[in-house]
C-alpha atoms as a PDB file:
ATOM      1  CA  UNK A   1    -107.715 -81.258 -50.091  1.00  0.00           C
ATOM      2  CA  UNK A   2    -104.947 -79.163 -51.631  1.00  0.00           C
ATOM      3  CA  UNK A   3    -102.745 -80.878 -54.186  1.00  0.00           C
ATOM      4  CA  UNK A   4     -98.979 -80.935 -53.903  1.00  0.00           C
ATOM      5  CA  UNK A   5     -96.970 -78.183 -55.527  1.00  0.00           C
ATOM      6  CA  UNK A   6     -95.360 -79.126 -58.836  1.00  0.00           C
ATOM      7  CA  UNK A   7     -91.728 -78.545 -59.700  1.00  0.00           C
ATOM      8  CA  UNK A   8     -91.614 -75.974 -62.470  1.00  0.00           C
ATOM      9  CA  UNK A   9     -88.933 -75.646 -65.135  1.00  0.00           C
ATOM     10  CA  UNK A  10     -86.974 -72.397 -65.080  1.00  0.00           C
ATOM     11  CA  UNK A  11     -87.090 -72.322 -68.882  1.00  0.00           C
ATOM     12  CA  UNK A  12     -90.901 -72.429 -69.224  1.00  0.00           C
ATOM     13  CA  UNK A  13     -92.172 -71.919 -72.782  1.00  0.00           C
ATOM     14  CA  UNK A  14     -95.710 -71.352 -74.066  1.00  0.00           C
ATOM     15  CA  UNK A  15     -97.491 -74.676 -74.394  1.00  0.00           C
ATOM     16  CA  UNK A  16     -95.648 -76.290 -71.461  1.00  0.00           C
ATOM     17  CA  UNK A  17     -97.358 -77.223 -68.228  1.00  0.00           C
ATOM     18  CA  UNK A  18    -100.289 -79.225 -66.950  1.00  0.00           C
ATOM     19  CA  UNK A  19    -103.941 -78.203 -66.685  1.00  0.00           C
ATOM     20  CA  UNK A  20    -104.823 -76.775 -63.287  1.00  0.00           C
ATOM     21  CA  UNK A  21    -101.259 -75.939 -62.225  1.00  0.00           C
ATOM     22  CA  UNK A  22     -99.577 -72.545 -62.477  1.00  0.00           C
ATOM     23  CA  UNK A  23     -96.714 -72.816 -64.999  1.00  0.00           C
ATOM     24  CA  UNK A  24     -94.783 -70.116 -63.109  1.00  0.00           C
ATOM     25  CA  UNK A  25     -94.868 -71.235 -59.448  1.00  0.00           C
ATOM     26  CA  UNK A  26     -96.269 -74.771 -59.860  1.00  0.00           C
ATOM     27  CA  UNK A  27     -99.103 -74.367 -57.347  1.00  0.00           C
ATOM     28  CA  UNK A  28    -102.580 -75.836 -57.867  1.00  0.00           C
ATOM     29  CA  UNK A  29    -104.354 -72.572 -57.068  1.00  0.00           C
ATOM     30  CA  UNK A  30    -105.698 -71.079 -60.305  1.00  0.00           C
ATOM     31  CA  UNK A  31    -108.806 -68.932 -60.522  1.00  0.00           C
ATOM     32  CA  UNK A  32    -110.498 -69.266 -63.919  1.00  0.00           C
ATOM     33  CA  UNK A  33    -112.495 -66.838 -66.027  1.00  0.00           C
ATOM     34  CA  UNK A  34    -115.157 -67.690 -68.577  1.00  0.00           C
ATOM     35  CA  UNK A  35    -114.265 -69.963 -71.507  1.00  0.00           C
ATOM     36  CA  UNK A  36    -113.491 -68.018 -74.676  1.00  0.00           C
ATOM     37  CA  UNK A  37    -113.500 -69.298 -78.288  1.00  0.00           C
ATOM     38  CA  UNK A  38    -110.166 -68.873 -80.099  1.00  0.00           C
ATOM     39  CA  UNK A  39    -110.160 -69.829 -83.795  1.00  0.00           C
ATOM     40  CA  UNK A  40    -111.326 -73.478 -83.700  1.00  0.00           C
ATOM     41  CA  UNK A  41    -110.186 -73.937 -80.102  1.00  0.00           C
ATOM     42  CA  UNK A  42    -111.124 -72.663 -76.654  1.00  0.00           C
ATOM     43  CA  UNK A  43    -109.223 -71.072 -73.786  1.00  0.00           C
ATOM     44  CA  UNK A  44    -109.841 -70.312 -70.120  1.00  0.00           C
ATOM     45  CA  UNK A  45    -108.113 -67.206 -68.750  1.00  0.00           C
ATOM     46  CA  UNK A  46    -106.568 -67.820 -65.321  1.00  0.00           C
ATOM     47  CA  UNK A  47    -104.899 -65.991 -62.475  1.00  0.00           C
ATOM     48  CA  UNK A  48    -102.721 -67.783 -59.938  1.00  0.00           C
ATOM     49  CA  UNK A  49    -103.921 -66.919 -56.441  1.00  0.00           C
ATOM     50  CA  UNK A  50    -100.462 -67.805 -55.071  1.00  0.00           C
ATOM     51  CA  UNK A  51     -98.023 -65.812 -57.222  1.00  0.00           C
ATOM     52  CA  UNK A  52    -100.330 -63.466 -59.168  1.00  0.00           C
ATOM     53  CA  UNK A  53     -99.295 -64.701 -62.643  1.00  0.00           C
ATOM     54  CA  UNK A  54    -101.949 -64.920 -65.340  1.00  0.00           C
ATOM     55  CA  UNK A  55    -102.390 -66.647 -68.664  1.00  0.00           C
ATOM     56  CA  UNK A  56    -104.643 -68.940 -70.668  1.00  0.00           C
ATOM     57  CA  UNK A  57    -105.257 -72.679 -70.619  1.00  0.00           C
ATOM     58  CA  UNK A  58    -105.807 -73.769 -74.205  1.00  0.00           C
ATOM     59  CA  UNK A  59    -108.074 -76.642 -75.257  1.00  0.00           C
ATOM     60  CA  UNK A  60    -108.873 -78.282 -78.585  1.00  0.00           C
ATOM     61  CA  UNK A  61    -112.532 -78.379 -79.531  1.00  0.00           C
ATOM     62  CA  UNK A  62    -113.688 -81.545 -81.275  1.00  0.00           C
ATOM     63  CA  UNK A  63    -117.174 -82.562 -82.376  1.00  0.00           C
ATOM     64  CA  UNK A  64    -118.192 -85.731 -80.542  1.00  0.00           C
ATOM     65  CA  UNK A  65    -121.896 -86.106 -81.410  1.00  0.00           C
ATOM     66  CA  UNK A  66    -125.400 -84.694 -81.186  1.00  0.00           C
ATOM     67  CA  UNK A  67    -127.734 -84.731 -78.193  1.00  0.00           C
ATOM     68  CA  UNK A  68    -131.428 -84.042 -78.478  1.00  0.00           C
ATOM     69  CA  UNK A  69    -133.381 -82.074 -75.895  1.00  0.00           C
END
């Protein structure tokens, strides 16, 4: 099921937007690359399959506990 297109601000700035949606055209149609460490954070490079824009989704990394194998 395809999600509805989001209304995008014409004055988009870095850091705006919502995960999974293209900040340029507002469509839920991003293709992701491999996660990449960035300082103490992490980003996923993306390309919008609708409008061809590309960028990075940034995420904070936070220690939440140990798991044993």
